[in-house]
Structures are given as structure tokens and as C-alpha cells.
Amino acid sequence: MIYFDKVKNIYLYASSCDMRMGLHKIQAMVSFHYKAEEILHSMFIFCSGTRKTIKIYYEDEWGCWLLQNNIAEGKFKWPEIGESVSIDKRQLDWLLKGLDVIAKLPKLRKKEED
């Protein structure tokens, strides 16, 4: 059972993810980028290129979980981010309900040269 009160961190993976990846492939990908102590009790959220499927990887002392959520109509409001970011539990709730979690980041304007 997942005890959400024990979740330390929630990370959104920046790039779209191949949803054919299973538990072991996602576990290897997470382990490549994070230390074991960072992974324990953290959630890693992956989204498909179509924004219709989300996978959540979670690991605790007893094992690991891979949860999948498919949306029937519409798309998940996946933020436009350049690198993985951390969100809180409230933002995860919003994301799973189809709400915007993080507004689009403003683009930097180039200085006009005279």
C-alpha cells in the first residue's frame, strides 16, 4: 500500500515517455539520474507524447510500484518544462484532475541591439 503521507518528493519527468516501458526500464531510468536515498519515498511522474497517459513510479522499503492513468477525453495539462521539476502533493492532485500545475514558463526576450 502506498502511504501518501510518507511521500517526500514528487518529480515530473520533462520529456515525453514511451508508455510501453515497464517497471524495470523505468526503474533503471530513475536509478540512473537519482541516488537510492532520493528515490525512496519519492514519486516520479512520466507522461506520454499524446498527453493521454501518465505513469507514476514509487518505491518504498517493501518494493516498487508502477501506476498508470489513462484519460478518456481531453489531455493531461503537462507543463512545458525544459528539465525535470519537483511539485507538491496539491499540484499532483491538480495534475491528475486535468488542471494546470505549472503555467508556461515565460520565454526570455532577446535584447534589441541598436
PDB file of N, CA and C in Angstrom:
ATOM      1  N   MET A   1       0.840  -1.180   0.000  1.00  0.00           N
ATOM      2  CA  MET A   1       0.000   0.000   0.000  1.00  0.00           C
ATOM      3  C   MET A   1       0.884   1.242   0.000  1.00  0.00           C
ATOM      4  N   ILE A   2       0.471   2.235  -0.751  1.00  0.00           N
ATOM      5  CA  ILE A   2       1.213   3.488  -0.794  1.00  0.00           C
ATOM      6  C   ILE A   2       0.661   4.414   0.283  1.00  0.00           C
ATOM      7  N   TYR A   3       1.548   4.864   1.153  1.00  0.00           N
ATOM      8  CA  TYR A   3       1.179   5.817   2.195  1.00  0.00           C
ATOM      9  C   TYR A   3       1.605   7.202   1.728  1.00  0.00           C
ATOM     10  N   PHE A   4       0.637   7.982   1.244  1.00  0.00           N
ATOM     11  CA  PHE A   4       0.961   9.273   0.657  1.00  0.00           C
ATOM     12  C   PHE A   4       1.541  10.253   1.667  1.00  0.00           C
ATOM     13  N   ASP A   5       1.296  10.029   2.953  1.00  0.00           N
ATOM     14  CA  ASP A   5       1.887  10.913   3.951  1.00  0.00           C
ATOM     15  C   ASP A   5       3.392  10.704   4.068  1.00  0.00           C
ATOM     16  N   LYS A   6       3.910   9.585   3.534  1.00  0.00           N
ATOM     17  CA  LYS A   6       5.351   9.319   3.565  1.00  0.00           C
ATOM     18  C   LYS A   6       6.079   9.806   2.311  1.00  0.00           C
ATOM     19  N   VAL A   7       5.328  10.259   1.304  1.00  0.00           N
ATOM     20  CA  VAL A   7       5.954  10.729   0.058  1.00  0.00           C
ATOM     21  C   VAL A   7       6.755  11.995   0.343  1.00  0.00           C
ATOM     22  N   LYS A   8       8.063  11.936   0.025  1.00  0.00           N
ATOM     23  CA  LYS A   8       8.959  13.067   0.281  1.00  0.00           C
ATOM     24  C   LYS A   8       8.973  14.055  -0.878  1.00  0.00           C
ATOM     25  N   ASN A   9       9.122  13.533  -2.091  1.00  0.00           N
ATOM     26  CA  ASN A   9       9.272  14.364  -3.279  1.00  0.00           C
ATOM     27  C   ASN A   9       8.412  13.808  -4.409  1.00  0.00           C
ATOM     28  N   ILE A  10       7.978  14.709  -5.284  1.00  0.00           N
ATOM     29  CA  ILE A  10       7.244  14.318  -6.485  1.00  0.00           C
ATOM     30  C   ILE A  10       7.923  15.032  -7.649  1.00  0.00           C
ATOM     31  N   TYR A  11       8.434  14.250  -8.590  1.00  0.00           N
ATOM     32  CA  TYR A  11       9.167  14.807  -9.717  1.00  0.00           C
ATOM     33  C   TYR A  11       8.418  14.574 -11.024  1.00  0.00           C
ATOM     34  N   LEU A  12       8.341  15.600 -11.853  1.00  0.00           N
ATOM     35  CA  LEU A  12       7.796  15.470 -13.200  1.00  0.00           C
ATOM     36  C   LEU A  12       8.966  15.282 -14.153  1.00  0.00           C
ATOM     37  N   TYR A  13       8.920  14.226 -14.952  1.00  0.00           N
ATOM     38  CA  TYR A  13       9.944  13.971 -15.953  1.00  0.00           C
ATOM     39  C   TYR A  13       9.676  14.885 -17.140  1.00  0.00           C
ATOM     40  N   ALA A  14      10.670  15.648 -17.554  1.00  0.00           N
ATOM     41  CA  ALA A  14      10.476  16.702 -18.545  1.00  0.00           C
ATOM     42  C   ALA A  14      10.069  16.201 -19.923  1.00  0.00           C
ATOM     43  N   SER A  15      10.707  15.162 -20.413  1.00  0.00           N
ATOM     44  CA  SER A  15      10.448  14.685 -21.771  1.00  0.00           C
ATOM     45  C   SER A  15       9.266  13.725 -21.789  1.00  0.00           C
ATOM     46  N   SER A  16       8.661  13.598 -22.975  1.00  0.00           N
ATOM     47  CA  SER A  16       7.605  12.594 -23.090  1.00  0.00           C
ATOM     48  C   SER A  16       8.244  11.211 -22.975  1.00  0.00           C
ATOM     49  N   CYS A  17       7.464  10.260 -22.554  1.00  0.00           N
ATOM     50  CA  CYS A  17       7.979   8.932 -22.233  1.00  0.00           C
ATOM     51  C   CYS A  17       7.258   7.881 -23.071  1.00  0.00           C
ATOM     52  N   ASP A  18       7.977   6.878 -23.500  1.00  0.00           N
ATOM     53  CA  ASP A  18       7.393   5.749 -24.221  1.00  0.00           C
ATOM     54  C   ASP A  18       6.599   4.925 -23.211  1.00  0.00           C
ATOM     55  N   MET A  19       5.298   4.919 -23.339  1.00  0.00           N
ATOM     56  CA  MET A  19       4.446   4.241 -22.370  1.00  0.00           C
ATOM     57  C   MET A  19       4.522   2.721 -22.460  1.00  0.00           C
ATOM     58  N   ARG A  20       5.261   2.184 -23.423  1.00  0.00           N
ATOM     59  CA  ARG A  20       5.475   0.737 -23.482  1.00  0.00           C
ATOM     60  C   ARG A  20       6.507   0.297 -22.452  1.00  0.00           C
ATOM     61  N   MET A  21       7.245   1.274 -21.888  1.00  0.00           N
ATOM     62  CA  MET A  21       8.249   0.937 -20.874  1.00  0.00           C
ATOM     63  C   MET A  21       7.560   0.366 -19.648  1.00  0.00           C
ATOM     64  N   GLY A  22       8.123  -0.686 -19.143  1.00  0.00           N
ATOM     65  CA  GLY A  22       7.577  -1.325 -17.960  1.00  0.00           C
ATOM     66  C   GLY A  22       8.326  -0.912 -16.710  1.00  0.00           C
ATOM     67  N   LEU A  23       8.036  -1.603 -15.642  1.00  0.00           N
ATOM     68  CA  LEU A  23       8.595  -1.294 -14.330  1.00  0.00           C
ATOM     69  C   LEU A  23      10.117  -1.279 -14.333  1.00  0.00           C
ATOM     70  N   HIS A  24      10.745  -2.298 -14.879  1.00  0.00           N
ATOM     71  CA  HIS A  24      12.203  -2.408 -14.799  1.00  0.00           C
ATOM     72  C   HIS A  24      12.920  -1.339 -15.610  1.00  0.00           C
ATOM     73  N   LYS A  25      12.390  -0.997 -16.765  1.00  0.00           N
ATOM     74  CA  LYS A  25      13.018   0.036 -17.598  1.00  0.00           C
ATOM     75  C   LYS A  25      12.887   1.409 -16.935  1.00  0.00           C
ATOM     76  N   ILE A  26      11.713   1.712 -16.394  1.00  0.00           N
ATOM     77  CA  ILE A  26      11.523   2.990 -15.706  1.00  0.00           C
ATOM     78  C   ILE A  26      12.372   3.032 -14.436  1.00  0.00           C
ATOM     79  N   GLN A  27      12.453   1.921 -13.722  1.00  0.00           N
ATOM     80  CA  GLN A  27      13.283   1.848 -12.526  1.00  0.00           C
ATOM     81  C   GLN A  27      14.755   2.118 -12.867  1.00  0.00           C
ATOM     82  N   ALA A  28      15.234   1.561 -13.964  1.00  0.00           N
ATOM     83  CA  ALA A  28      16.618   1.778 -14.389  1.00  0.00           C
ATOM     84  C   ALA A  28      16.839   3.245 -14.766  1.00  0.00           C
ATOM     85  N   MET A  29      15.870   3.849 -15.447  1.00  0.00           N
ATOM     86  CA  MET A  29      15.984   5.242 -15.846  1.00  0.00           C
ATOM     87  C   MET A  29      16.031   6.161 -14.619  1.00  0.00           C
ATOM     88  N   VAL A  30      15.182   5.899 -13.650  1.00  0.00           N
ATOM     89  CA  VAL A  30      15.164   6.700 -12.423  1.00  0.00           C
ATOM     90  C   VAL A  30      16.470   6.506 -11.654  1.00  0.00           C
ATOM     91  N   SER A  31      16.933   5.262 -11.554  1.00  0.00           N
ATOM     92  CA  SER A  31      18.165   4.958 -10.813  1.00  0.00           C
ATOM     93  C   SER A  31      19.390   5.601 -11.452  1.00  0.00           C
ATOM     94  N   PHE A  32      19.343   5.806 -12.758  1.00  0.00           N
ATOM     95  CA  PHE A  32      20.459   6.428 -13.462  1.00  0.00           C
ATOM     96  C   PHE A  32      20.608   7.900 -13.064  1.00  0.00           C
ATOM     97  N   HIS A  33      19.487   8.579 -12.792  1.00  0.00           N
ATOM     98  CA  HIS A  33      19.504  10.015 -12.519  1.00  0.00           C
ATOM     99  C   HIS A  33      19.452  10.386 -11.036  1.00  0.00           C
ATOM    100  N   TYR A  34      19.057   9.453 -10.176  1.00  0.00           N
ATOM    101  CA  TYR A  34      18.892   9.774  -8.758  1.00  0.00           C
ATOM    102  C   TYR A  34      19.590   8.740  -7.887  1.00  0.00           C
ATOM    103  N   LYS A  35      20.027   9.175  -6.703  1.00  0.00           N
ATOM    104  CA  LYS A  35      20.630   8.272  -5.725  1.00  0.00           C
ATOM    105  C   LYS A  35      19.525   7.464  -5.039  1.00  0.00           C
ATOM    106  N   ALA A  36      19.899   6.305  -4.498  1.00  0.00           N
ATOM    107  CA  ALA A  36      18.926   5.410  -3.853  1.00  0.00           C
ATOM    108  C   ALA A  36      18.157   6.114  -2.736  1.00  0.00           C
ATOM    109  N   GLU A  37      18.829   6.935  -1.942  1.00  0.00           N
ATOM    110  CA  GLU A  37      18.142   7.616  -0.839  1.00  0.00           C
ATOM    111  C   GLU A  37      17.186   8.693  -1.348  1.00  0.00           C
ATOM    112  N   GLU A  38      17.415   9.219  -2.551  1.00  0.00           N
ATOM    113  CA  GLU A  38      16.486  10.191  -3.139  1.00  0.00           C
ATOM    114  C   GLU A  38      15.251   9.496  -3.720  1.00  0.00           C
ATOM    115  N   ILE A  39      15.419   8.261  -4.174  1.00  0.00           N
ATOM    116  CA  ILE A  39      14.326   7.514  -4.800  1.00  0.00           C
ATOM    117  C   ILE A  39      13.319   7.012  -3.772  1.00  0.00           C
ATOM    118  N   LEU A  40      13.830   6.573  -2.624  1.00  0.00           N
ATOM    119  CA  LEU A  40      12.966   6.005  -1.586  1.00  0.00           C
ATOM    120  C   LEU A  40      11.923   7.029  -1.154  1.00  0.00           C
ATOM    121  N   HIS A  41      10.665   6.672  -1.220  1.00  0.00           N
ATOM    122  CA  HIS A  41       9.527   7.516  -0.839  1.00  0.00           C
ATOM    123  C   HIS A  41       9.375   8.756  -1.718  1.00  0.00           C
ATOM    124  N   SER A  42       9.846   8.683  -2.957  1.00  0.00           N
ATOM    125  CA  SER A  42       9.627   9.759  -3.922  1.00  0.00           C
ATOM    126  C   SER A  42       8.802   9.213  -5.079  1.00  0.00           C
ATOM    127  N   MET A  43       8.015  10.087  -5.697  1.00  0.00           N
ATOM    128  CA  MET A  43       7.214   9.708  -6.861  1.00  0.00           C
ATOM    129  C   MET A  43       7.829  10.358  -8.099  1.00  0.00           C
ATOM    130  N   PHE A  44       7.838   9.593  -9.174  1.00  0.00           N
ATOM    131  CA  PHE A  44       8.362  10.074 -10.439  1.00  0.00           C
ATOM    132  C   PHE A  44       7.237   9.945 -11.463  1.00  0.00           C
ATOM    133  N   ILE A  45       6.838  11.059 -12.052  1.00  0.00           N
ATOM    134  CA  ILE A  45       5.682  11.096 -12.939  1.00  0.00           C
ATOM    135  C   ILE A  45       6.165  11.230 -14.382  1.00  0.00           C
ATOM    136  N   PHE A  46       5.652  10.359 -15.247  1.00  0.00           N
ATOM    137  CA  PHE A  46       6.004  10.338 -16.667  1.00  0.00           C
ATOM    138  C   PHE A  46       4.731  10.513 -17.482  1.00  0.00           C
ATOM    139  N   CYS A  47       4.825  11.223 -18.599  1.00  0.00           N
ATOM    140  CA  CYS A  47       3.661  11.461 -19.440  1.00  0.00           C
ATOM    141  C   CYS A  47       3.968  11.036 -20.874  1.00  0.00           C
ATOM    142  N   SER A  48       2.951  10.510 -21.544  1.00  0.00           N
ATOM    143  CA  SER A  48       3.104  10.097 -22.941  1.00  0.00           C
ATOM    144  C   SER A  48       3.167  11.323 -23.855  1.00  0.00           C
ATOM    145  N   GLY A  49       3.640  11.122 -25.068  1.00  0.00           N
ATOM    146  CA  GLY A  49       3.702  12.201 -26.045  1.00  0.00           C
ATOM    147  C   GLY A  49       2.337  12.739 -26.416  1.00  0.00           C
ATOM    148  N   THR A  50       1.320  11.897 -26.341  1.00  0.00           N
ATOM    149  CA  THR A  50      -0.045  12.333 -26.659  1.00  0.00           C
ATOM    150  C   THR A  50      -0.726  13.033 -25.487  1.00  0.00           C
ATOM    151  N   ARG A  51      -0.096  12.999 -24.308  1.00  0.00           N
ATOM    152  CA  ARG A  51      -0.627  13.587 -23.070  1.00  0.00           C
ATOM    153  C   ARG A  51      -1.915  12.915 -22.608  1.00  0.00           C
ATOM    154  N   LYS A  52      -2.126  11.667 -23.012  1.00  0.00           N
ATOM    155  CA  LYS A  52      -3.328  10.939 -22.610  1.00  0.00           C
ATOM    156  C   LYS A  52      -3.033   9.888 -21.538  1.00  0.00           C
ATOM    157  N   THR A  53      -1.757   9.608 -21.287  1.00  0.00           N
ATOM    158  CA  THR A  53      -1.378   8.580 -20.318  1.00  0.00           C
ATOM    159  C   THR A  53      -0.280   9.107 -19.400  1.00  0.00           C
ATOM    160  N   ILE A  54      -0.424   8.812 -18.125  1.00  0.00           N
ATOM    161  CA  ILE A  54       0.593   9.152 -17.124  1.00  0.00           C
ATOM    162  C   ILE A  54       0.978   7.860 -16.398  1.00  0.00           C
ATOM    163  N   LYS A  55       2.277   7.708 -16.140  1.00  0.00           N
ATOM    164  CA  LYS A  55       2.760   6.624 -15.289  1.00  0.00           C
ATOM    165  C   LYS A  55       3.451   7.238 -14.086  1.00  0.00           C
ATOM    166  N   ILE A  56       3.236   6.615 -12.926  1.00  0.00           N
ATOM    167  CA  ILE A  56       3.836   7.077 -11.682  1.00  0.00           C
ATOM    168  C   ILE A  56       4.670   5.934 -11.106  1.00  0.00           C
ATOM    169  N   TYR A  57       5.962   6.205 -10.884  1.00  0.00           N
ATOM    170  CA  TYR A  57       6.850   5.228 -10.273  1.00  0.00           C
ATOM    171  C   TYR A  57       7.068   5.641  -8.826  1.00  0.00           C
ATOM    172  N   TYR A  58       6.925   4.677  -7.913  1.00  0.00           N
ATOM    173  CA  TYR A  58       7.104   4.933  -6.483  1.00  0.00           C
ATOM    174  C   TYR A  58       7.814   3.742  -5.857  1.00  0.00           C
ATOM    175  N   GLU A  59       8.730   4.025  -4.954  1.00  0.00           N
ATOM    176  CA  GLU A  59       9.485   2.956  -4.293  1.00  0.00           C
ATOM    177  C   GLU A  59       9.498   3.197  -2.785  1.00  0.00           C
ATOM    178  N   ASP A  60       9.245   2.117  -2.018  1.00  0.00           N
ATOM    179  CA  ASP A  60       9.337   2.188  -0.561  1.00  0.00           C
ATOM    180  C   ASP A  60      10.194   1.031  -0.063  1.00  0.00           C
ATOM    181  N   GLU A  61      10.194   0.793   1.235  1.00  0.00           N
ATOM    182  CA  GLU A  61      11.046  -0.246   1.824  1.00  0.00           C
ATOM    183  C   GLU A  61      10.678  -1.652   1.365  1.00  0.00           C
ATOM    184  N   TRP A  62       9.433  -1.854   0.946  1.00  0.00           N
ATOM    185  CA  TRP A  62       8.950  -3.193   0.628  1.00  0.00           C
ATOM    186  C   TRP A  62       8.941  -3.506  -0.864  1.00  0.00           C
ATOM    187  N   GLY A  63       9.200  -2.522  -1.693  1.00  0.00           N
ATOM    188  CA  GLY A  63       9.208  -2.769  -3.128  1.00  0.00           C
ATOM    189  C   GLY A  63       8.882  -1.517  -3.907  1.00  0.00           C
ATOM    190  N   CYS A  64       8.521  -1.713  -5.164  1.00  0.00           N
ATOM    191  CA  CYS A  64       8.224  -0.565  -6.007  1.00  0.00           C
ATOM    192  C   CYS A  64       6.886  -0.735  -6.708  1.00  0.00           C
ATOM    193  N   TRP A  65       6.320   0.396  -7.091  1.00  0.00           N
ATOM    194  CA  TRP A  65       5.013   0.460  -7.716  1.00  0.00           C
ATOM    195  C   TRP A  65       5.129   1.171  -9.055  1.00  0.00           C
ATOM    196  N   LEU A  66       4.331   0.749 -10.014  1.00  0.00           N
ATOM    197  CA  LEU A  66       4.185   1.476 -11.260  1.00  0.00           C
ATOM    198  C   LEU A  66       2.689   1.609 -11.519  1.00  0.00           C
ATOM    199  N   LEU A  67       2.197   2.818 -11.388  1.00  0.00           N
ATOM    200  CA  LEU A  67       0.780   3.111 -11.562  1.00  0.00           C
ATOM    201  C   LEU A  67       0.572   3.773 -12.917  1.00  0.00           C
ATOM    202  N   GLN A  68      -0.552   3.522 -13.540  1.00  0.00           N
ATOM    203  CA  GLN A  68      -0.849   4.117 -14.836  1.00  0.00           C
ATOM    204  C   GLN A  68      -2.246   4.706 -14.823  1.00  0.00           C
ATOM    205  N   ASN A  69      -2.374   5.887 -15.401  1.00  0.00           N
ATOM    206  CA  ASN A  69      -3.664   6.558 -15.508  1.00  0.00           C
ATOM    207  C   ASN A  69      -3.856   6.976 -16.956  1.00  0.00           C
ATOM    208  N   ASN A  70      -4.935   6.510 -17.579  1.00  0.00           N
ATOM    209  CA  ASN A  70      -5.288   6.894 -18.945  1.00  0.00           C
ATOM    210  C   ASN A  70      -6.495   7.810 -18.889  1.00  0.00           C
ATOM    211  N   ILE A  71      -6.458   8.881 -19.654  1.00  0.00           N
ATOM    212  CA  ILE A  71      -7.571   9.809 -19.690  1.00  0.00           C
ATOM    213  C   ILE A  71      -8.381   9.532 -20.957  1.00  0.00           C
ATOM    214  N   ALA A  72      -9.698   9.421 -20.813  1.00  0.00           N
ATOM    215  CA  ALA A  72     -10.563   9.055 -21.945  1.00  0.00           C
ATOM    216  C   ALA A  72     -10.781  10.233 -22.885  1.00  0.00           C
ATOM    217  N   GLU A  73     -11.051  11.391 -22.331  1.00  0.00           N
ATOM    218  CA  GLU A  73     -11.315  12.576 -23.144  1.00  0.00           C
ATOM    219  C   GLU A  73     -10.380  13.692 -22.726  1.00  0.00           C
ATOM    220  N   GLY A  74      -9.921  14.448 -23.692  1.00  0.00           N
ATOM    221  CA  GLY A  74      -9.012  15.553 -23.399  1.00  0.00           C
ATOM    222  C   GLY A  74      -7.591  15.055 -23.201  1.00  0.00           C
ATOM    223  N   LYS A  75      -6.782  15.892 -22.580  1.00  0.00           N
ATOM    224  CA  LYS A  75      -5.378  15.566 -22.337  1.00  0.00           C
ATOM    225  C   LYS A  75      -4.976  16.074 -20.962  1.00  0.00           C
ATOM    226  N   PHE A  76      -3.934  15.461 -20.410  1.00  0.00           N
ATOM    227  CA  PHE A  76      -3.374  15.974 -19.169  1.00  0.00           C
ATOM    228  C   PHE A  76      -2.691  17.305 -19.461  1.00  0.00           C
ATOM    229  N   LYS A  77      -2.784  18.221 -18.544  1.00  0.00           N
ATOM    230  CA  LYS A  77      -2.166  19.538 -18.693  1.00  0.00           C
ATOM    231  C   LYS A  77      -0.710  19.456 -18.232  1.00  0.00           C
ATOM    232  N   TRP A  78       0.112  18.859 -19.074  1.00  0.00           N
ATOM    233  CA  TRP A  78       1.528  18.672 -18.735  1.00  0.00           C
ATOM    234  C   TRP A  78       2.259  19.984 -18.949  1.00  0.00           C
ATOM    235  N   PRO A  79       3.007  20.453 -17.964  1.00  0.00           N
ATOM    236  CA  PRO A  79       3.679  21.749 -18.100  1.00  0.00           C
ATOM    237  C   PRO A  79       4.788  21.708 -19.152  1.00  0.00           C
ATOM    238  N   GLU A  80       4.997  22.840 -19.793  1.00  0.00           N
ATOM    239  CA  GLU A  80       6.091  22.984 -20.751  1.00  0.00           C
ATOM    240  C   GLU A  80       7.349  23.306 -19.958  1.00  0.00           C
ATOM    241  N   ILE A  81       8.145  22.278 -19.706  1.00  0.00           N
ATOM    242  CA  ILE A  81       9.347  22.454 -18.902  1.00  0.00           C
ATOM    243  C   ILE A  81      10.549  21.924 -19.659  1.00  0.00           C
ATOM    244  N   GLY A  82      11.699  22.498 -19.403  1.00  0.00           N
ATOM    245  CA  GLY A  82      12.907  22.075 -20.084  1.00  0.00           C
ATOM    246  C   GLY A  82      13.655  20.985 -19.349  1.00  0.00           C
ATOM    247  N   GLU A  83      13.429  20.893 -18.054  1.00  0.00           N
ATOM    248  CA  GLU A  83      14.084  19.864 -17.261  1.00  0.00           C
ATOM    249  C   GLU A  83      13.127  19.383 -16.181  1.00  0.00           C
ATOM    250  N   SER A  84      13.453  18.275 -15.563  1.00  0.00           N
ATOM    251  CA  SER A  84      12.562  17.717 -14.539  1.00  0.00           C
ATOM    252  C   SER A  84      12.396  18.713 -13.396  1.00  0.00           C
ATOM    253  N   VAL A  85      11.181  18.775 -12.877  1.00  0.00           N
ATOM    254  CA  VAL A  85      10.878  19.694 -11.784  1.00  0.00           C
ATOM    255  C   VAL A  85      10.170  18.941 -10.665  1.00  0.00           C
ATOM    256  N   SER A  86      10.189  19.540  -9.497  1.00  0.00           N
ATOM    257  CA  SER A  86       9.525  18.972  -8.331  1.00  0.00           C
ATOM    258  C   SER A  86       8.206  19.708  -8.113  1.00  0.00           C
ATOM    259  N   ILE A  87       7.156  18.953  -7.781  1.00  0.00           N
ATOM    260  CA  ILE A  87       5.867  19.550  -7.445  1.00  0.00           C
ATOM    261  C   ILE A  87       5.446  19.035  -6.074  1.00  0.00           C
ATOM    262  N   ASP A  88       4.418  19.630  -5.510  1.00  0.00           N
ATOM    263  CA  ASP A  88       3.934  19.160  -4.214  1.00  0.00           C
ATOM    264  C   ASP A  88       2.691  18.284  -4.406  1.00  0.00           C
ATOM    265  N   LYS A  89       2.173  17.741  -3.315  1.00  0.00           N
ATOM    266  CA  LYS A  89       1.028  16.816  -3.379  1.00  0.00           C
ATOM    267  C   LYS A  89      -0.225  17.500  -3.916  1.00  0.00           C
ATOM    268  N   ARG A  90      -0.401  18.752  -3.588  1.00  0.00           N
ATOM    269  CA  ARG A  90      -1.558  19.506  -4.072  1.00  0.00           C
ATOM    270  C   ARG A  90      -1.498  19.658  -5.589  1.00  0.00           C
ATOM    271  N   GLN A  91      -0.303  19.944  -6.108  1.00  0.00           N
ATOM    272  CA  GLN A  91      -0.131  20.079  -7.557  1.00  0.00           C
ATOM    273  C   GLN A  91      -0.325  18.738  -8.263  1.00  0.00           C
ATOM    274  N   LEU A  92       0.097  17.630  -7.634  1.00  0.00           N
ATOM    275  CA  LEU A  92      -0.133  16.305  -8.202  1.00  0.00           C
ATOM    276  C   LEU A  92      -1.633  16.046  -8.304  1.00  0.00           C
ATOM    277  N   ASP A  93      -2.368  16.401  -7.281  1.00  0.00           N
ATOM    278  CA  ASP A  93      -3.825  16.252  -7.295  1.00  0.00           C
ATOM    279  C   ASP A  93      -4.425  17.040  -8.457  1.00  0.00           C
ATOM    280  N   TRP A  94      -3.958  18.277  -8.641  1.00  0.00           N
ATOM    281  CA  TRP A  94      -4.445  19.100  -9.746  1.00  0.00           C
ATOM    282  C   TRP A  94      -4.130  18.447 -11.091  1.00  0.00           C
ATOM    283  N   LEU A  95      -2.908  17.963 -11.238  1.00  0.00           N
ATOM    284  CA  LEU A  95      -2.483  17.339 -12.492  1.00  0.00           C
ATOM    285  C   LEU A  95      -3.378  16.153 -12.841  1.00  0.00           C
ATOM    286  N   LEU A  96      -3.640  15.297 -11.858  1.00  0.00           N
ATOM    287  CA  LEU A  96      -4.456  14.108 -12.092  1.00  0.00           C
ATOM    288  C   LEU A  96      -5.921  14.439 -12.354  1.00  0.00           C
ATOM    289  N   LYS A  97      -6.347  15.632 -11.945  1.00  0.00           N
ATOM    290  CA  LYS A  97      -7.719  16.091 -12.223  1.00  0.00           C
ATOM    291  C   LYS A  97      -7.816  16.865 -13.534  1.00  0.00           C
ATOM    292  N   GLY A  98      -6.689  17.021 -14.229  1.00  0.00           N
ATOM    293  CA  GLY A  98      -6.692  17.705 -15.515  1.00  0.00           C
ATOM    294  C   GLY A  98      -6.492  19.202 -15.439  1.00  0.00           C
ATOM    295  N   LEU A  99      -6.058  19.697 -14.291  1.00  0.00           N
ATOM    296  CA  LEU A  99      -5.832  21.132 -14.135  1.00  0.00           C
ATOM    297  C   LEU A  99      -4.375  21.476 -14.428  1.00  0.00           C
ATOM    298  N   ASP A 100      -4.118  22.761 -14.718  1.00  0.00           N
ATOM    299  CA  ASP A 100      -2.748  23.212 -14.944  1.00  0.00           C
ATOM    300  C   ASP A 100      -1.976  23.200 -13.635  1.00  0.00           C
ATOM    301  N   VAL A 101      -0.790  22.621 -13.676  1.00  0.00           N
ATOM    302  CA  VAL A 101       0.056  22.567 -12.486  1.00  0.00           C
ATOM    303  C   VAL A 101       1.008  23.742 -12.480  1.00  0.00           C
ATOM    304  N   ILE A 102       1.687  23.932 -13.565  1.00  0.00           N
ATOM    305  CA  ILE A 102       2.663  24.998 -13.689  1.00  0.00           C
ATOM    306  C   ILE A 102       2.347  25.725 -14.990  1.00  0.00           C
ATOM    307  N   ALA A 103       2.151  27.026 -14.910  1.00  0.00           N
ATOM    308  CA  ALA A 103       1.896  27.795 -16.134  1.00  0.00           C
ATOM    309  C   ALA A 103       3.133  27.748 -17.020  1.00  0.00           C
ATOM    310  N   LYS A 104       2.923  27.986 -18.297  1.00  0.00           N
ATOM    311  CA  LYS A 104       4.065  28.006 -19.213  1.00  0.00           C
ATOM    312  C   LYS A 104       5.099  28.991 -18.699  1.00  0.00           C
ATOM    313  N   LEU A 105       6.334  28.584 -18.749  1.00  0.00           N
ATOM    314  CA  LEU A 105       7.397  29.464 -18.325  1.00  0.00           C
ATOM    315  C   LEU A 105       7.582  30.557 -19.366  1.00  0.00           C
ATOM    316  N   PRO A 106       7.790  31.789 -18.922  1.00  0.00           N
ATOM    317  CA  PRO A 106       7.952  32.875 -19.899  1.00  0.00           C
ATOM    318  C   PRO A 106       9.230  32.687 -20.706  1.00  0.00           C
ATOM    319  N   LYS A 107       9.128  32.987 -21.993  1.00  0.00           N
ATOM    320  CA  LYS A 107      10.304  32.895 -22.847  1.00  0.00           C
ATOM    321  C   LYS A 107      11.148  34.139 -22.637  1.00  0.00           C
ATOM    322  N   LEU A 108      12.452  33.958 -22.639  1.00  0.00           N
ATOM    323  CA  LEU A 108      13.342  35.101 -22.490  1.00  0.00           C
ATOM    324  C   LEU A 108      13.356  35.900 -23.786  1.00  0.00           C
ATOM    325  N   ARG A 109      13.252  37.179 -23.645  1.00  0.00           N
ATOM    326  CA  ARG A 109      13.289  38.054 -24.819  1.00  0.00           C
ATOM    327  C   ARG A 109      14.728  38.453 -25.079  1.00  0.00           C
ATOM    328  N   LYS A 110      15.099  38.469 -26.340  1.00  0.00           N
ATOM    329  CA  LYS A 110      16.431  38.923 -26.709  1.00  0.00           C
ATOM    330  C   LYS A 110      16.450  40.449 -26.630  1.00  0.00           C
ATOM    331  N   LYS A 111      17.575  40.968 -26.173  1.00  0.00           N
ATOM    332  CA  LYS A 111      17.716  42.422 -26.138  1.00  0.00           C
ATOM    333  C   LYS A 111      17.845  42.931 -27.562  1.00  0.00           C
ATOM    334  N   GLU A 112      17.151  44.029 -27.822  1.00  0.00           N
ATOM    335  CA  GLU A 112      17.248  44.622 -29.143  1.00  0.00           C
ATOM    336  C   GLU A 112      18.544  45.400 -29.232  1.00  0.00           C
ATOM    337  N   GLU A 113      19.242  45.169 -30.316  1.00  0.00           N
ATOM    338  CA  GLU A 113      20.503  45.877 -30.499  1.00  0.00           C
ATOM    339  C   GLU A 113      20.259  47.129 -31.309  1.00  0.00           C
ATOM    340  N   ASP A 114      20.871  48.232 -30.910  1.00  0.00           N
ATOM    341  CA  ASP A 114      20.711  49.496 -31.628  1.00  0.00           C
ATOM    342  C   ASP A 114      21.702  49.601 -32.755  1.00  0.00           C
TER     343      ASP A 114
END
